[in-house]
Amino acid sequence: MSSAQRREAIVDAAVELFAQNGFRGTTTRQIAAAVGVSEPVLYMHFAAKSDLYTAIIEKLSGGCGLALPPIQPGADDRAFLVSLAMGMVEWHEHDPARVRLLFYSALEGHELSDAFYSRHVVPFFDAFSRYFQQRIKEGAFRKVDPRLAARAFVNMVVKYGADVVIFRKAADNVSARKKTIEAMVDIFLNGVKKQK
């Protein structure tokens, strides 16, 4: 195994173990054992735990997908929000270990959670808030706080994503899932669309 491959294997093992046991419940000895190396070899690749956390953030960020497509004036809000919600749920499904790890890090008050939030979630909310600002300006949505509207929508979808991945309590076929998401989007839009 090359040095780069071993480093990647250490990061992969750390992600899996942290996702299963949390940060406090995982030792460097367990990570080293999962890769089949000694702790000193692990420390040759990551001099400190903070270096390992940085590598994990980079891994979690790869293919993060927390980006909005370009927003066209007069956009079809329902189609846009359904597409966004489907993408968010797929993001949860694509890498359940990433989701569990992020939940663990948030619950344990770990720096990994703060770093991921500031690098990815804040820019996503900024962009999504601009979508609401634009649609309010165009007269399509009521005057609501754009950031709170973005947060309400995202939290609704993230909870559904958690049901799918963590609790396994959501529809397990794409067709049923799409119908559920469409219903959620309709409920949301009924709250923000400007009444004629």
N, C-alpha and C. Protein backbone atom coordinates (compact mmCIF):
# COMPACT_ATOMS: atom_id res chain seq x y z
N MET A 1 0.85 -1.18 0.00
CA MET A 1 0.00 0.00 0.00
C MET A 1 0.90 1.24 0.00
N SER A 2 0.65 2.15 -0.93
CA SER A 2 1.46 3.38 -0.98
C SER A 2 1.09 4.28 0.20
N SER A 3 1.91 5.27 0.43
CA SER A 3 1.67 6.21 1.52
C SER A 3 0.33 6.92 1.35
N ALA A 4 0.03 7.34 0.12
CA ALA A 4 -1.23 8.03 -0.16
C ALA A 4 -2.42 7.10 0.06
N GLN A 5 -2.28 5.84 -0.35
CA GLN A 5 -3.37 4.87 -0.15
C GLN A 5 -3.58 4.59 1.34
N ARG A 6 -2.48 4.49 2.09
CA ARG A 6 -2.59 4.25 3.53
C ARG A 6 -3.27 5.44 4.21
N ARG A 7 -2.88 6.64 3.80
CA ARG A 7 -3.50 7.85 4.37
C ARG A 7 -5.01 7.84 4.11
N GLU A 8 -5.39 7.52 2.88
CA GLU A 8 -6.80 7.46 2.51
C GLU A 8 -7.52 6.38 3.31
N ALA A 9 -6.87 5.24 3.50
CA ALA A 9 -7.47 4.14 4.28
C ALA A 9 -7.68 4.57 5.74
N ILE A 10 -6.75 5.33 6.28
CA ILE A 10 -6.89 5.82 7.66
C ILE A 10 -8.09 6.76 7.75
N VAL A 11 -8.22 7.66 6.80
CA VAL A 11 -9.36 8.60 6.80
C VAL A 11 -10.67 7.83 6.67
N ASP A 12 -10.73 6.87 5.75
CA ASP A 12 -11.95 6.08 5.56
C ASP A 12 -12.31 5.34 6.85
N ALA A 13 -11.32 4.73 7.48
CA ALA A 13 -11.58 4.00 8.73
C ALA A 13 -12.05 4.95 9.82
N ALA A 14 -11.43 6.11 9.90
CA ALA A 14 -11.82 7.10 10.91
C ALA A 14 -13.26 7.55 10.71
N VAL A 15 -13.64 7.82 9.46
CA VAL A 15 -15.01 8.24 9.17
C VAL A 15 -15.99 7.17 9.62
N GLU A 16 -15.73 5.91 9.26
CA GLU A 16 -16.64 4.82 9.64
C GLU A 16 -16.73 4.66 11.15
N LEU A 17 -15.58 4.67 11.82
CA LEU A 17 -15.60 4.47 13.28
C LEU A 17 -16.23 5.65 14.01
N PHE A 18 -15.90 6.87 13.59
CA PHE A 18 -16.52 8.04 14.21
C PHE A 18 -18.03 8.04 13.97
N ALA A 19 -18.46 7.60 12.78
CA ALA A 19 -19.88 7.55 12.46
C ALA A 19 -20.61 6.50 13.31
N GLN A 20 -19.91 5.42 13.66
CA GLN A 20 -20.52 4.37 14.48
C GLN A 20 -20.47 4.68 15.97
N ASN A 21 -19.34 5.23 16.42
CA ASN A 21 -19.10 5.36 17.87
C ASN A 21 -19.00 6.79 18.37
N GLY A 22 -19.01 7.75 17.48
CA GLY A 22 -18.80 9.14 17.90
C GLY A 22 -17.31 9.41 18.06
N PHE A 23 -17.00 10.68 18.29
CA PHE A 23 -15.60 11.07 18.44
C PHE A 23 -15.06 10.62 19.78
N ARG A 24 -15.87 10.75 20.80
CA ARG A 24 -15.41 10.36 22.14
C ARG A 24 -15.32 8.85 22.29
N GLY A 25 -16.11 8.13 21.48
CA GLY A 25 -16.13 6.68 21.60
C GLY A 25 -15.14 5.98 20.69
N THR A 26 -14.31 6.73 19.99
CA THR A 26 -13.34 6.13 19.06
C THR A 26 -11.93 6.53 19.45
N THR A 27 -11.05 5.58 19.50
CA THR A 27 -9.64 5.86 19.84
C THR A 27 -8.77 5.75 18.59
N THR A 28 -7.60 6.35 18.68
CA THR A 28 -6.65 6.22 17.58
C THR A 28 -6.19 4.76 17.45
N ARG A 29 -6.16 4.05 18.54
CA ARG A 29 -5.80 2.63 18.51
C ARG A 29 -6.81 1.85 17.66
N GLN A 30 -8.11 2.15 17.82
CA GLN A 30 -9.14 1.48 17.02
C GLN A 30 -9.00 1.82 15.55
N ILE A 31 -8.70 3.08 15.26
CA ILE A 31 -8.54 3.49 13.86
C ILE A 31 -7.36 2.75 13.24
N ALA A 32 -6.23 2.74 13.95
CA ALA A 32 -5.04 2.05 13.45
C ALA A 32 -5.32 0.57 13.23
N ALA A 33 -6.02 -0.06 14.17
CA ALA A 33 -6.33 -1.48 14.06
C ALA A 33 -7.23 -1.75 12.85
N ALA A 34 -8.18 -0.85 12.61
CA ALA A 34 -9.10 -1.04 11.47
C ALA A 34 -8.35 -1.01 10.14
N VAL A 35 -7.24 -0.27 10.10
CA VAL A 35 -6.46 -0.17 8.87
C VAL A 35 -5.37 -1.23 8.82
N GLY A 36 -5.06 -1.81 9.98
CA GLY A 36 -4.00 -2.81 10.05
C GLY A 36 -2.62 -2.19 10.18
N VAL A 37 -2.54 -1.04 10.85
CA VAL A 37 -1.26 -0.38 11.10
C VAL A 37 -1.13 -0.11 12.59
N SER A 38 0.05 0.28 13.00
CA SER A 38 0.25 0.64 14.40
C SER A 38 -0.09 2.12 14.60
N GLU A 39 -0.28 2.52 15.86
CA GLU A 39 -0.55 3.94 16.14
C GLU A 39 0.59 4.84 15.66
N PRO A 40 1.86 4.43 15.85
CA PRO A 40 2.94 5.30 15.34
C PRO A 40 2.85 5.52 13.83
N VAL A 41 2.42 4.50 13.08
CA VAL A 41 2.26 4.68 11.64
C VAL A 41 1.12 5.67 11.36
N LEU A 42 0.05 5.55 12.13
CA LEU A 42 -1.06 6.51 11.99
C LEU A 42 -0.55 7.93 12.22
N TYR A 43 0.27 8.12 13.27
CA TYR A 43 0.79 9.45 13.59
C TYR A 43 1.83 9.93 12.58
N MET A 44 2.40 9.03 11.80
CA MET A 44 3.29 9.47 10.71
C MET A 44 2.48 10.19 9.63
N HIS A 45 1.23 9.77 9.47
CA HIS A 45 0.36 10.39 8.46
C HIS A 45 -0.40 11.59 9.02
N PHE A 46 -0.73 11.53 10.29
CA PHE A 46 -1.49 12.60 10.94
C PHE A 46 -0.84 12.88 12.29
N ALA A 47 -0.05 13.94 12.35
CA ALA A 47 0.72 14.25 13.55
C ALA A 47 -0.18 14.54 14.75
N ALA A 48 -1.37 15.04 14.48
CA ALA A 48 -2.30 15.34 15.57
C ALA A 48 -3.71 14.98 15.11
N LYS A 49 -4.59 14.80 16.09
CA LYS A 49 -5.98 14.49 15.74
C LYS A 49 -6.58 15.59 14.88
N SER A 50 -6.18 16.83 15.13
CA SER A 50 -6.73 17.94 14.34
C SER A 50 -6.39 17.78 12.86
N ASP A 51 -5.23 17.21 12.55
CA ASP A 51 -4.87 16.94 11.15
C ASP A 51 -5.79 15.89 10.54
N LEU A 52 -6.13 14.89 11.35
CA LEU A 52 -7.05 13.86 10.88
C LEU A 52 -8.44 14.46 10.66
N TYR A 53 -8.88 15.33 11.56
CA TYR A 53 -10.19 15.98 11.41
C TYR A 53 -10.22 16.83 10.15
N THR A 54 -9.13 17.52 9.88
CA THR A 54 -9.07 18.34 8.66
C THR A 54 -9.21 17.46 7.43
N ALA A 55 -8.54 16.32 7.43
CA ALA A 55 -8.63 15.38 6.30
C ALA A 55 -10.06 14.84 6.16
N ILE A 56 -10.72 14.62 7.29
CA ILE A 56 -12.10 14.14 7.26
C ILE A 56 -13.01 15.21 6.67
N ILE A 57 -12.81 16.45 7.06
CA ILE A 57 -13.61 17.55 6.50
C ILE A 57 -13.46 17.59 4.99
N GLU A 58 -12.20 17.45 4.53
CA GLU A 58 -11.95 17.46 3.09
C GLU A 58 -12.70 16.31 2.41
N LYS A 59 -12.70 15.15 3.06
CA LYS A 59 -13.40 13.99 2.50
C LYS A 59 -14.91 14.24 2.48
N LEU A 60 -15.43 14.77 3.59
CA LEU A 60 -16.86 15.04 3.65
C LEU A 60 -17.27 16.09 2.64
N SER A 61 -16.36 16.99 2.35
CA SER A 61 -16.65 18.09 1.43
C SER A 61 -16.66 17.63 -0.02
N GLY A 62 -15.93 16.58 -0.32
CA GLY A 62 -15.88 16.08 -1.69
C GLY A 62 -17.26 15.64 -2.14
N GLY A 63 -17.72 16.18 -3.24
CA GLY A 63 -19.06 15.84 -3.72
C GLY A 63 -20.13 16.25 -2.75
N CYS A 64 -19.86 17.32 -2.01
CA CYS A 64 -20.78 17.76 -0.97
C CYS A 64 -22.16 18.04 -1.53
N GLY A 65 -22.22 18.64 -2.70
CA GLY A 65 -23.50 18.86 -3.34
C GLY A 65 -24.37 19.92 -2.72
N LEU A 66 -23.85 20.69 -1.76
CA LEU A 66 -24.65 21.73 -1.15
C LEU A 66 -24.57 23.00 -1.99
N ALA A 67 -25.15 22.95 -3.15
CA ALA A 67 -25.14 24.10 -4.04
C ALA A 67 -26.49 24.19 -4.73
N LEU A 68 -26.89 25.41 -5.04
CA LEU A 68 -28.15 25.61 -5.73
C LEU A 68 -27.90 25.77 -7.22
N PRO A 69 -28.81 25.25 -8.02
CA PRO A 69 -28.69 25.54 -9.46
C PRO A 69 -29.00 27.01 -9.70
N PRO A 70 -28.61 27.55 -10.84
CA PRO A 70 -28.93 28.96 -11.13
C PRO A 70 -30.44 29.19 -11.06
N ILE A 71 -30.82 30.31 -10.52
CA ILE A 71 -32.24 30.63 -10.36
C ILE A 71 -32.64 31.57 -11.48
N GLN A 72 -33.62 31.15 -12.25
CA GLN A 72 -34.11 31.96 -13.36
C GLN A 72 -35.26 32.84 -12.89
N PRO A 73 -35.33 34.09 -13.37
CA PRO A 73 -36.49 34.93 -13.03
C PRO A 73 -37.78 34.24 -13.46
N GLY A 74 -38.79 34.35 -12.62
CA GLY A 74 -40.07 33.71 -12.92
C GLY A 74 -40.00 32.21 -12.88
N ALA A 75 -39.10 31.68 -12.09
CA ALA A 75 -38.86 30.24 -12.03
C ALA A 75 -40.11 29.47 -11.62
N ASP A 76 -40.17 28.22 -12.01
CA ASP A 76 -41.22 27.31 -11.54
C ASP A 76 -40.79 26.88 -10.14
N ASP A 77 -41.37 27.54 -9.14
CA ASP A 77 -40.94 27.32 -7.76
C ASP A 77 -41.12 25.87 -7.33
N ARG A 78 -42.24 25.28 -7.71
CA ARG A 78 -42.50 23.91 -7.29
C ARG A 78 -41.45 22.96 -7.86
N ALA A 79 -41.18 23.09 -9.15
CA ALA A 79 -40.19 22.21 -9.79
C ALA A 79 -38.81 22.44 -9.18
N PHE A 80 -38.46 23.69 -8.94
CA PHE A 80 -37.16 24.01 -8.35
C PHE A 80 -37.03 23.39 -6.96
N LEU A 81 -38.06 23.57 -6.12
CA LEU A 81 -37.98 23.07 -4.74
C LEU A 81 -38.06 21.55 -4.68
N VAL A 82 -38.85 20.93 -5.55
CA VAL A 82 -38.88 19.46 -5.59
C VAL A 82 -37.52 18.93 -5.99
N SER A 83 -36.92 19.52 -7.01
CA SER A 83 -35.59 19.09 -7.46
C SER A 83 -34.56 19.27 -6.35
N LEU A 84 -34.61 20.40 -5.68
CA LEU A 84 -33.68 20.66 -4.58
C LEU A 84 -33.88 19.65 -3.45
N ALA A 85 -35.12 19.41 -3.08
CA ALA A 85 -35.41 18.46 -1.99
C ALA A 85 -34.98 17.04 -2.36
N MET A 86 -35.24 16.63 -3.58
CA MET A 86 -34.81 15.29 -4.02
C MET A 86 -33.28 15.19 -3.93
N GLY A 87 -32.59 16.24 -4.36
CA GLY A 87 -31.13 16.25 -4.28
C GLY A 87 -30.64 16.18 -2.85
N MET A 88 -31.33 16.86 -1.95
CA MET A 88 -30.92 16.82 -0.54
C MET A 88 -31.11 15.43 0.05
N VAL A 89 -32.22 14.78 -0.27
CA VAL A 89 -32.46 13.43 0.25
C VAL A 89 -31.45 12.45 -0.36
N GLU A 90 -31.15 12.62 -1.65
CA GLU A 90 -30.13 11.77 -2.28
C GLU A 90 -28.77 12.00 -1.63
N TRP A 91 -28.47 13.25 -1.23
CA TRP A 91 -27.22 13.56 -0.53
C TRP A 91 -27.14 12.75 0.76
N HIS A 92 -28.25 12.63 1.47
CA HIS A 92 -28.29 11.83 2.68
C HIS A 92 -28.06 10.35 2.36
N GLU A 93 -28.72 9.87 1.32
CA GLU A 93 -28.63 8.45 0.97
C GLU A 93 -27.27 8.07 0.42
N HIS A 94 -26.63 8.99 -0.29
CA HIS A 94 -25.37 8.68 -0.97
C HIS A 94 -24.28 8.25 0.01
N ASP A 95 -24.24 8.86 1.18
CA ASP A 95 -23.18 8.56 2.14
C ASP A 95 -23.74 8.63 3.56
N PRO A 96 -24.45 7.58 3.99
CA PRO A 96 -25.04 7.58 5.33
C PRO A 96 -24.01 7.77 6.44
N ALA A 97 -22.78 7.27 6.24
CA ALA A 97 -21.75 7.46 7.27
C ALA A 97 -21.44 8.94 7.45
N ARG A 98 -21.42 9.69 6.36
CA ARG A 98 -21.17 11.13 6.44
C ARG A 98 -22.26 11.79 7.28
N VAL A 99 -23.51 11.40 7.05
CA VAL A 99 -24.63 12.00 7.78
C VAL A 99 -24.52 11.67 9.26
N ARG A 100 -24.28 10.40 9.58
CA ARG A 100 -24.15 10.01 10.99
C ARG A 100 -22.98 10.74 11.64
N LEU A 101 -21.88 10.85 10.92
CA LEU A 101 -20.70 11.54 11.46
C LEU A 101 -21.01 13.00 11.75
N LEU A 102 -21.71 13.66 10.84
CA LEU A 102 -22.06 15.06 11.07
C LEU A 102 -23.01 15.21 12.25
N PHE A 103 -23.95 14.28 12.39
CA PHE A 103 -24.84 14.33 13.55
C PHE A 103 -24.05 14.13 14.85
N TYR A 104 -23.19 13.11 14.86
CA TYR A 104 -22.35 12.87 16.04
C TYR A 104 -21.53 14.11 16.38
N SER A 105 -20.88 14.68 15.39
CA SER A 105 -20.00 15.81 15.67
C SER A 105 -20.79 17.00 16.20
N ALA A 106 -22.01 17.19 15.70
CA ALA A 106 -22.84 18.28 16.21
C ALA A 106 -23.29 18.00 17.65
N LEU A 107 -23.73 16.77 17.89
CA LEU A 107 -24.20 16.42 19.24
C LEU A 107 -23.09 16.48 20.28
N GLU A 108 -21.88 16.15 19.87
CA GLU A 108 -20.75 16.16 20.78
C GLU A 108 -20.05 17.52 20.84
N GLY A 109 -20.58 18.50 20.08
CA GLY A 109 -19.97 19.82 20.07
C GLY A 109 -18.56 19.81 19.51
N HIS A 110 -18.34 18.96 18.53
CA HIS A 110 -17.01 18.77 17.98
C HIS A 110 -16.70 19.83 16.93
N GLU A 111 -15.43 20.20 16.83
CA GLU A 111 -15.00 21.22 15.87
C GLU A 111 -15.29 20.84 14.43
N LEU A 112 -15.37 19.57 14.13
CA LEU A 112 -15.67 19.11 12.77
C LEU A 112 -17.02 19.65 12.32
N SER A 113 -17.99 19.63 13.22
CA SER A 113 -19.32 20.13 12.91
C SER A 113 -19.27 21.62 12.58
N ASP A 114 -18.58 22.39 13.39
CA ASP A 114 -18.47 23.84 13.16
C ASP A 114 -17.79 24.13 11.83
N ALA A 115 -16.73 23.40 11.53
CA ALA A 115 -15.99 23.62 10.29
C ALA A 115 -16.85 23.30 9.08
N PHE A 116 -17.55 22.17 9.12
CA PHE A 116 -18.41 21.79 7.99
C PHE A 116 -19.53 22.82 7.83
N TYR A 117 -20.11 23.23 8.95
CA TYR A 117 -21.21 24.19 8.90
C TYR A 117 -20.77 25.51 8.27
N SER A 118 -19.62 26.02 8.71
CA SER A 118 -19.18 27.32 8.19
C SER A 118 -18.73 27.22 6.73
N ARG A 119 -18.13 26.11 6.35
CA ARG A 119 -17.65 25.98 4.96
C ARG A 119 -18.73 25.66 3.95
N HIS A 120 -19.77 24.95 4.38
CA HIS A 120 -20.75 24.46 3.41
C HIS A 120 -22.19 24.90 3.69
N VAL A 121 -22.60 24.82 4.93
CA VAL A 121 -24.00 25.10 5.23
C VAL A 121 -24.29 26.60 5.14
N VAL A 122 -23.43 27.43 5.71
CA VAL A 122 -23.67 28.88 5.68
C VAL A 122 -23.73 29.40 4.24
N PRO A 123 -22.77 29.06 3.36
CA PRO A 123 -22.89 29.53 1.97
C PRO A 123 -24.16 29.01 1.28
N PHE A 124 -24.57 27.78 1.59
CA PHE A 124 -25.79 27.24 1.02
C PHE A 124 -27.00 28.07 1.46
N PHE A 125 -27.09 28.36 2.77
CA PHE A 125 -28.21 29.17 3.27
C PHE A 125 -28.19 30.58 2.69
N ASP A 126 -27.00 31.14 2.51
CA ASP A 126 -26.90 32.47 1.90
C ASP A 126 -27.49 32.46 0.50
N ALA A 127 -27.12 31.46 -0.30
CA ALA A 127 -27.62 31.36 -1.67
C ALA A 127 -29.12 31.09 -1.69
N PHE A 128 -29.58 30.20 -0.83
CA PHE A 128 -31.00 29.86 -0.79
C PHE A 128 -31.83 31.05 -0.31
N SER A 129 -31.30 31.82 0.62
CA SER A 129 -31.99 33.03 1.09
C SER A 129 -32.15 34.03 -0.05
N ARG A 130 -31.14 34.13 -0.91
CA ARG A 130 -31.24 35.03 -2.07
C ARG A 130 -32.36 34.60 -3.02
N TYR A 131 -32.57 33.29 -3.13
CA TYR A 131 -33.69 32.79 -3.94
C TYR A 131 -35.00 33.36 -3.39
N PHE A 132 -35.21 33.28 -2.08
CA PHE A 132 -36.43 33.80 -1.48
C PHE A 132 -36.52 35.32 -1.64
N GLN A 133 -35.41 36.01 -1.46
CA GLN A 133 -35.39 37.46 -1.65
C GLN A 133 -35.84 37.81 -3.07
N GLN A 134 -35.30 37.10 -4.03
CA GLN A 134 -35.63 37.35 -5.43
C GLN A 134 -37.11 37.11 -5.70
N ARG A 135 -37.64 36.00 -5.21
CA ARG A 135 -39.04 35.67 -5.46
C ARG A 135 -39.99 36.62 -4.71
N ILE A 136 -39.58 37.14 -3.57
CA ILE A 136 -40.37 38.15 -2.86
C ILE A 136 -40.38 39.44 -3.68
N LYS A 137 -39.21 39.82 -4.16
CA LYS A 137 -39.07 41.03 -4.98
C LYS A 137 -39.93 40.94 -6.25
N GLU A 138 -40.01 39.74 -6.83
CA GLU A 138 -40.80 39.54 -8.04
C GLU A 138 -42.30 39.46 -7.75
N GLY A 139 -42.65 39.45 -6.46
CA GLY A 139 -44.06 39.41 -6.08
C GLY A 139 -44.65 38.01 -6.04
N ALA A 140 -43.83 36.98 -6.17
CA ALA A 140 -44.34 35.61 -6.16
C ALA A 140 -44.56 35.10 -4.73
N PHE A 141 -43.75 35.56 -3.79
CA PHE A 141 -43.85 35.12 -2.40
C PHE A 141 -44.26 36.28 -1.51
N ARG A 142 -44.93 35.93 -0.41
CA ARG A 142 -45.27 36.93 0.61
C ARG A 142 -43.98 37.48 1.20
N LYS A 143 -44.10 38.59 1.89
CA LYS A 143 -42.94 39.16 2.57
C LYS A 143 -42.68 38.36 3.84
N VAL A 144 -41.73 37.47 3.73
CA VAL A 144 -41.30 36.64 4.86
C VAL A 144 -39.80 36.85 5.03
N ASP A 145 -39.29 36.47 6.16
CA ASP A 145 -37.84 36.54 6.37
C ASP A 145 -37.21 35.47 5.48
N PRO A 146 -36.41 35.89 4.46
CA PRO A 146 -35.85 34.92 3.52
C PRO A 146 -35.00 33.84 4.18
N ARG A 147 -34.24 34.22 5.20
CA ARG A 147 -33.38 33.25 5.87
C ARG A 147 -34.21 32.23 6.64
N LEU A 148 -35.27 32.70 7.30
CA LEU A 148 -36.14 31.77 8.03
C LEU A 148 -36.90 30.85 7.08
N ALA A 149 -37.32 31.38 5.93
CA ALA A 149 -37.99 30.54 4.94
C ALA A 149 -37.04 29.45 4.45
N ALA A 150 -35.80 29.84 4.16
CA ALA A 150 -34.80 28.86 3.72
C ALA A 150 -34.57 27.81 4.80
N ARG A 151 -34.44 28.26 6.03
CA ARG A 151 -34.20 27.34 7.14
C ARG A 151 -35.39 26.39 7.33
N ALA A 152 -36.61 26.92 7.25
CA ALA A 152 -37.80 26.08 7.42
C ALA A 152 -37.84 24.98 6.36
N PHE A 153 -37.58 25.36 5.12
CA PHE A 153 -37.62 24.36 4.05
C PHE A 153 -36.52 23.31 4.24
N VAL A 154 -35.31 23.77 4.48
CA VAL A 154 -34.18 22.84 4.63
C VAL A 154 -34.40 21.91 5.82
N ASN A 155 -34.86 22.46 6.94
CA ASN A 155 -35.06 21.61 8.12
C ASN A 155 -36.12 20.55 7.86
N MET A 156 -37.17 20.90 7.13
CA MET A 156 -38.21 19.92 6.79
C MET A 156 -37.60 18.79 5.96
N VAL A 157 -36.80 19.14 4.97
CA VAL A 157 -36.22 18.12 4.08
C VAL A 157 -35.13 17.32 4.80
N VAL A 158 -34.31 17.98 5.60
CA VAL A 158 -33.24 17.28 6.33
C VAL A 158 -33.84 16.27 7.30
N LYS A 159 -34.94 16.63 7.95
CA LYS A 159 -35.61 15.68 8.85
C LYS A 159 -36.07 14.46 8.06
N TYR A 160 -36.62 14.69 6.88
CA TYR A 160 -37.04 13.57 6.04
C TYR A 160 -35.82 12.74 5.63
N GLY A 161 -34.72 13.41 5.26
CA GLY A 161 -33.50 12.70 4.91
C GLY A 161 -33.00 11.84 6.06
N ALA A 162 -33.09 12.38 7.28
CA ALA A 162 -32.70 11.60 8.46
C ALA A 162 -33.62 10.40 8.65
N ASP A 163 -34.91 10.60 8.39
CA ASP A 163 -35.84 9.46 8.48
C ASP A 163 -35.44 8.36 7.50
N VAL A 164 -35.01 8.77 6.31
CA VAL A 164 -34.62 7.81 5.28
C VAL A 164 -33.36 7.05 5.69
N VAL A 165 -32.34 7.79 6.13
CA VAL A 165 -31.02 7.21 6.34
C VAL A 165 -30.81 6.66 7.75
N ILE A 166 -31.19 7.42 8.75
CA ILE A 166 -30.88 7.02 10.12
C ILE A 166 -31.98 6.15 10.72
N PHE A 167 -33.22 6.60 10.59
CA PHE A 167 -34.32 5.88 11.22
C PHE A 167 -34.97 4.86 10.29
N ARG A 168 -34.66 4.95 9.00
CA ARG A 168 -35.21 4.04 7.99
C ARG A 168 -36.75 3.95 8.10
N LYS A 169 -37.35 5.14 8.24
CA LYS A 169 -38.80 5.22 8.43
C LYS A 169 -39.51 5.88 7.27
N ALA A 170 -38.83 6.09 6.17
CA ALA A 170 -39.46 6.76 5.03
C ALA A 170 -39.64 5.76 3.90
N ALA A 171 -40.39 6.19 2.92
CA ALA A 171 -40.66 5.34 1.75
C ALA A 171 -39.35 4.85 1.16
N ASP A 172 -39.31 3.56 0.82
CA ASP A 172 -38.06 3.01 0.33
C ASP A 172 -38.00 2.87 -1.18
N ASN A 173 -38.96 3.45 -1.90
CA ASN A 173 -38.83 3.46 -3.35
C ASN A 173 -38.91 4.90 -3.84
N VAL A 174 -38.26 5.15 -4.94
CA VAL A 174 -38.10 6.52 -5.43
C VAL A 174 -39.45 7.16 -5.76
N SER A 175 -40.36 6.40 -6.32
CA SER A 175 -41.67 6.95 -6.69
C SER A 175 -42.43 7.44 -5.46
N ALA A 176 -42.50 6.62 -4.43
CA ALA A 176 -43.20 7.02 -3.20
C ALA A 176 -42.49 8.19 -2.53
N ARG A 177 -41.18 8.17 -2.57
CA ARG A 177 -40.40 9.24 -1.97
C ARG A 177 -40.67 10.57 -2.70
N LYS A 178 -40.72 10.51 -4.03
CA LYS A 178 -40.98 11.73 -4.80
C LYS A 178 -42.36 12.29 -4.47
N LYS A 179 -43.36 11.43 -4.33
CA LYS A 179 -44.71 11.88 -3.97
C LYS A 179 -44.70 12.55 -2.60
N THR A 180 -43.97 11.99 -1.66
CA THR A 180 -43.88 12.59 -0.32
C THR A 180 -43.22 13.95 -0.41
N ILE A 181 -42.14 14.05 -1.15
CA ILE A 181 -41.43 15.33 -1.28
C ILE A 181 -42.31 16.35 -1.99
N GLU A 182 -43.02 15.94 -3.03
CA GLU A 182 -43.92 16.87 -3.71
C GLU A 182 -44.99 17.39 -2.76
N ALA A 183 -45.53 16.52 -1.91
CA ALA A 183 -46.53 16.95 -0.93
C ALA A 183 -45.93 17.93 0.07
N MET A 184 -44.71 17.67 0.51
CA MET A 184 -44.04 18.58 1.45
C MET A 184 -43.82 19.94 0.80
N VAL A 185 -43.39 19.95 -0.46
CA VAL A 185 -43.16 21.21 -1.17
C VAL A 185 -44.47 21.97 -1.33
N ASP A 186 -45.56 21.27 -1.64
CA ASP A 186 -46.85 21.93 -1.78
C ASP A 186 -47.29 22.58 -0.47
N ILE A 187 -47.12 21.88 0.63
CA ILE A 187 -47.46 22.44 1.94
C ILE A 187 -46.61 23.68 2.21
N PHE A 188 -45.33 23.59 1.92
CA PHE A 188 -44.43 24.73 2.14
C PHE A 188 -44.84 25.91 1.26
N LEU A 189 -45.06 25.67 -0.02
CA LEU A 189 -45.42 26.75 -0.93
C LEU A 189 -46.74 27.42 -0.55
N ASN A 190 -47.68 26.64 -0.02
CA ASN A 190 -48.94 27.24 0.42
C ASN A 190 -48.72 28.27 1.53
N GLY A 191 -47.63 28.11 2.26
CA GLY A 191 -47.32 29.05 3.33
C GLY A 191 -46.59 30.30 2.86
N VAL A 192 -45.82 30.21 1.77
CA VAL A 192 -45.01 31.36 1.36
C VAL A 192 -45.52 32.05 0.10
N LYS A 193 -46.31 31.37 -0.71
CA LYS A 193 -46.78 32.00 -1.96
C LYS A 193 -47.73 33.14 -1.64
N LYS A 194 -47.59 34.16 -2.43
CA LYS A 194 -48.46 35.32 -2.29
C LYS A 194 -49.85 34.94 -2.78
N GLN A 195 -50.86 35.22 -1.96
CA GLN A 195 -52.24 34.90 -2.34
C GLN A 195 -52.75 35.94 -3.34
N LYS A 196 -53.45 35.47 -4.34
CA LYS A 196 -53.96 36.39 -5.37
C LYS A 196 -55.36 36.85 -5.05
